[in-house]
Amino acid sequence: MNDNHPLRRIGRDPTAFEAFYRDNVEAVQRFIARRVDDPHLAADLTADVFLAVIEASDTYRPSRGTPVAWLYGVARNVVADRHRQQARELRLVTRVAGRALLDPDSLARVEDRITAEQESRRLYAALSTLPEDDRALIELVALDGLSVADAAQVLGVKPGTARVRLHRARRQITTHPLLTTVEVTP
């Protein structure tokens, strides 16, 4: 174990944290912005990711993968935790209120946004037909720019398995009926 690895020092060395943050904050912001609609929530989640990095930095093991793959794994967990929390809150509000949660003006704004992003929505709808792990793999490689090996590490699978799953998932997406006008690069 290498306790001198810069990532392992983040929790106790502000200079190491500052350098890691500066090098990675934009990538984390992009990763999160693709997964949440609210810019304020995205900013909160970005802060939560780096707080989690500080708290978990001593668990990083260089032998298990790159710092970037580890960081994306932390970010993925933070976003997933927030989605689970929001789902619980929504169920509670729905149960308590027992009525629609959107007024007509809010509904119109949502419809306008959906229409404006129709092509992206079709792509995400096609992606949603994939198993969760295959969808996450495509997002990590195609949207976040990770290598297949780093994406495999984030998802906890072998690189060979990730390559096969990525190929299969891309083939499914390129033939999906929703995507007749959207270009998906294999």
Protein backbone atom coordinates (compact mmCIF):
# COMPACT_ATOMS: atom_id res chain seq x y z
CA MET A 1 0.00 0.00 0.00
CA ASN A 2 1.33 3.42 -0.97
CA ASP A 3 0.32 5.99 1.67
CA ASN A 4 2.32 8.62 -0.21
CA HIS A 5 0.09 8.53 -3.29
CA PRO A 6 -1.26 12.10 -3.69
CA LEU A 7 -4.87 10.88 -3.72
CA ARG A 8 -4.44 9.10 -0.39
CA ARG A 9 -3.11 12.35 1.15
CA ILE A 10 -6.13 14.46 0.15
CA GLY A 11 -7.87 14.00 3.51
CA ARG A 12 -4.93 15.41 5.44
CA ASP A 13 -3.13 17.65 2.93
CA PRO A 14 -5.07 20.71 1.71
CA THR A 15 -2.53 21.30 -1.07
CA ALA A 16 -3.05 17.78 -2.44
CA PHE A 17 -6.83 18.28 -2.30
CA GLU A 18 -6.62 21.66 -4.03
CA ALA A 19 -4.58 20.20 -6.90
CA PHE A 20 -6.91 17.20 -7.27
CA TYR A 21 -9.97 19.46 -7.17
CA ARG A 22 -8.57 21.89 -9.73
CA ASP A 23 -7.65 19.04 -12.09
CA ASN A 24 -11.02 17.27 -11.86
CA VAL A 25 -13.82 19.68 -10.93
CA GLU A 26 -14.88 20.42 -14.51
CA ALA A 27 -15.10 16.72 -15.40
CA VAL A 28 -17.19 16.05 -12.28
CA GLN A 29 -19.47 19.00 -13.08
CA ARG A 30 -20.06 17.67 -16.62
CA PHE A 31 -20.67 14.14 -15.30
CA ILE A 32 -23.27 15.41 -12.84
CA ALA A 33 -24.88 17.94 -15.21
CA ARG A 34 -25.78 15.10 -17.56
CA ARG A 35 -27.54 13.29 -14.76
CA VAL A 36 -29.55 16.08 -13.09
CA ASP A 37 -31.60 18.95 -14.54
CA ASP A 38 -31.29 21.50 -11.75
CA PRO A 39 -28.04 23.56 -11.84
CA HIS A 40 -28.26 24.23 -8.10
CA LEU A 41 -28.56 20.51 -7.40
CA ALA A 42 -25.62 19.88 -9.75
CA ALA A 43 -23.50 22.35 -7.77
CA ASP A 44 -24.53 20.72 -4.48
CA LEU A 45 -23.73 17.25 -5.81
CA THR A 46 -20.34 18.41 -7.10
CA ALA A 47 -19.53 19.67 -3.61
CA ASP A 48 -20.83 16.39 -2.14
CA VAL A 49 -18.55 14.41 -4.47
CA PHE A 50 -15.45 16.27 -3.34
CA LEU A 51 -16.49 16.01 0.30
CA ALA A 52 -16.84 12.25 -0.21
CA VAL A 53 -13.40 12.25 -1.87
CA ILE A 54 -11.88 13.88 1.22
CA GLU A 55 -13.62 11.40 3.52
CA ALA A 56 -12.73 8.33 1.43
CA SER A 57 -9.30 9.30 0.10
CA ASP A 58 -7.53 6.87 2.41
CA THR A 59 -9.49 4.00 0.82
CA TYR A 60 -8.00 4.61 -2.65
CA ARG A 61 -5.80 1.73 -3.81
CA PRO A 62 -3.59 2.46 -6.87
CA SER A 63 -3.48 -1.25 -7.67
CA ARG A 64 -7.25 -1.25 -8.27
CA GLY A 65 -7.30 1.48 -10.92
CA THR A 66 -6.69 5.08 -11.85
CA PRO A 67 -7.62 8.05 -9.67
CA VAL A 68 -10.03 9.27 -12.37
CA ALA A 69 -11.91 5.97 -12.44
CA TRP A 70 -12.08 6.02 -8.63
CA LEU A 71 -13.39 9.61 -8.73
CA TYR A 72 -16.10 8.72 -11.26
CA GLY A 73 -17.10 5.81 -9.04
CA VAL A 74 -17.47 8.20 -6.10
CA ALA A 75 -19.46 10.63 -8.27
CA ARG A 76 -21.72 7.85 -9.55
CA ASN A 77 -22.44 6.76 -5.97
CA VAL A 78 -23.20 10.33 -4.83
CA VAL A 79 -25.63 10.87 -7.73
CA ALA A 80 -27.28 7.48 -7.14
CA ASP A 81 -27.69 8.28 -3.43
CA ARG A 82 -29.37 11.60 -4.30
CA HIS A 83 -31.71 9.93 -6.81
CA ARG A 84 -32.73 7.37 -4.17
CA GLN A 85 -33.30 10.18 -1.65
CA GLN A 86 -35.42 12.14 -4.14
CA ALA A 87 -37.47 9.04 -4.98
CA ARG A 88 -38.18 8.50 -1.26
CA GLU A 89 -39.17 12.15 -0.85
CA LEU A 90 -41.42 12.03 -3.92
CA ARG A 91 -43.19 8.91 -2.65
CA LEU A 92 -43.74 10.61 0.70
CA VAL A 93 -45.06 13.83 -0.85
CA THR A 94 -47.33 11.89 -3.20
CA ARG A 95 -48.69 9.83 -0.35
CA VAL A 96 -49.29 12.90 1.83
CA ALA A 97 -50.66 15.19 -0.87
CA GLY A 98 -52.60 12.60 -2.83
CA ARG A 99 -52.76 14.91 -5.86
CA ALA A 100 -50.77 15.99 -8.90
CA LEU A 101 -47.44 17.61 -8.06
CA LEU A 102 -47.28 19.99 -11.06
CA ASP A 103 -49.50 23.00 -11.63
CA PRO A 104 -50.42 23.85 -15.26
CA ASP A 105 -47.65 26.48 -15.65
CA SER A 106 -44.99 24.11 -14.36
CA LEU A 107 -46.29 21.37 -16.61
CA ALA A 108 -46.09 23.71 -19.64
CA ARG A 109 -42.47 24.57 -18.82
CA VAL A 110 -41.60 20.89 -18.53
CA GLU A 111 -43.31 20.15 -21.85
CA ASP A 112 -41.40 22.99 -23.54
CA ARG A 113 -38.10 21.68 -22.22
CA ILE A 114 -38.92 18.15 -23.37
CA THR A 115 -39.83 19.37 -26.85
CA ALA A 116 -36.65 21.45 -27.09
CA GLU A 117 -34.54 18.44 -26.20
CA GLN A 118 -36.49 15.86 -28.22
CA GLU A 119 -33.49 14.34 -29.96
CA SER A 120 -31.60 13.92 -26.70
CA ARG A 121 -34.70 12.49 -25.09
CA ARG A 122 -35.06 9.90 -27.85
CA LEU A 123 -31.46 8.89 -27.34
CA TYR A 124 -31.95 8.62 -23.58
CA ALA A 125 -35.20 6.71 -24.12
CA ALA A 126 -33.33 4.23 -26.29
CA LEU A 127 -30.56 4.07 -23.68
CA SER A 128 -33.15 3.40 -20.99
CA THR A 129 -34.09 0.16 -22.73
CA LEU A 130 -30.61 -1.15 -21.96
CA PRO A 131 -29.81 -2.87 -18.69
CA GLU A 132 -28.58 -0.32 -16.10
CA ASP A 133 -24.95 -1.50 -16.20
CA ASP A 134 -24.82 -1.36 -20.02
CA ARG A 135 -26.33 2.13 -20.00
CA ALA A 136 -23.83 3.27 -17.37
CA LEU A 137 -20.99 1.81 -19.46
CA ILE A 138 -22.07 3.74 -22.57
CA GLU A 139 -22.42 6.95 -20.55
CA LEU A 140 -18.99 6.58 -18.95
CA VAL A 141 -17.25 5.90 -22.28
CA ALA A 142 -19.24 8.02 -24.76
CA LEU A 143 -20.28 10.95 -22.58
CA ASP A 144 -17.67 11.12 -19.85
CA GLY A 145 -14.73 10.15 -22.04
CA LEU A 146 -13.38 7.38 -19.84
CA SER A 147 -11.43 4.55 -21.38
CA VAL A 148 -13.15 1.18 -21.47
CA ALA A 149 -10.68 -0.03 -18.82
CA ASP A 150 -11.48 2.89 -16.49
CA ALA A 151 -15.22 2.47 -17.06
CA ALA A 152 -14.84 -1.23 -16.28
CA GLN A 153 -13.17 -0.33 -13.00
CA VAL A 154 -15.96 2.11 -12.09
CA LEU A 155 -18.53 -0.62 -12.74
CA GLY A 156 -16.52 -3.38 -11.08
CA VAL A 157 -16.15 -5.62 -14.14
CA LYS A 158 -13.19 -6.91 -16.14
CA PRO A 159 -12.10 -4.79 -19.14
CA GLY A 160 -12.80 -7.65 -21.55
CA THR A 161 -16.32 -7.98 -20.19
CA ALA A 162 -16.80 -4.22 -20.54
CA ARG A 163 -15.63 -4.28 -24.18
CA VAL A 164 -18.10 -7.04 -25.07
CA ARG A 165 -20.97 -5.33 -23.24
CA LEU A 166 -20.14 -1.98 -24.84
CA HIS A 167 -20.14 -3.51 -28.33
CA ARG A 168 -23.45 -5.27 -27.68
CA ALA A 169 -25.04 -2.14 -26.19
CA ARG A 170 -23.91 0.08 -29.07
CA ARG A 171 -25.36 -2.41 -31.56
CA GLN A 172 -28.70 -2.38 -29.70
CA ILE A 173 -28.78 1.43 -29.63
CA THR A 174 -27.91 1.92 -33.31
CA THR A 175 -30.80 -0.32 -34.36
CA HIS A 176 -33.36 1.11 -31.92
CA PRO A 177 -36.53 2.39 -33.69
CA LEU A 178 -36.52 5.68 -31.75
CA LEU A 179 -33.20 6.64 -33.28
CA THR A 180 -33.94 6.74 -36.99
CA THR A 181 -32.79 10.40 -37.16
CA VAL A 182 -30.19 10.44 -34.38
CA GLU A 183 -26.64 9.53 -35.31
CA VAL A 184 -24.97 7.23 -32.78
CA THR A 185 -21.27 6.66 -33.40
CA PRO A 186 -20.31 3.06 -32.59
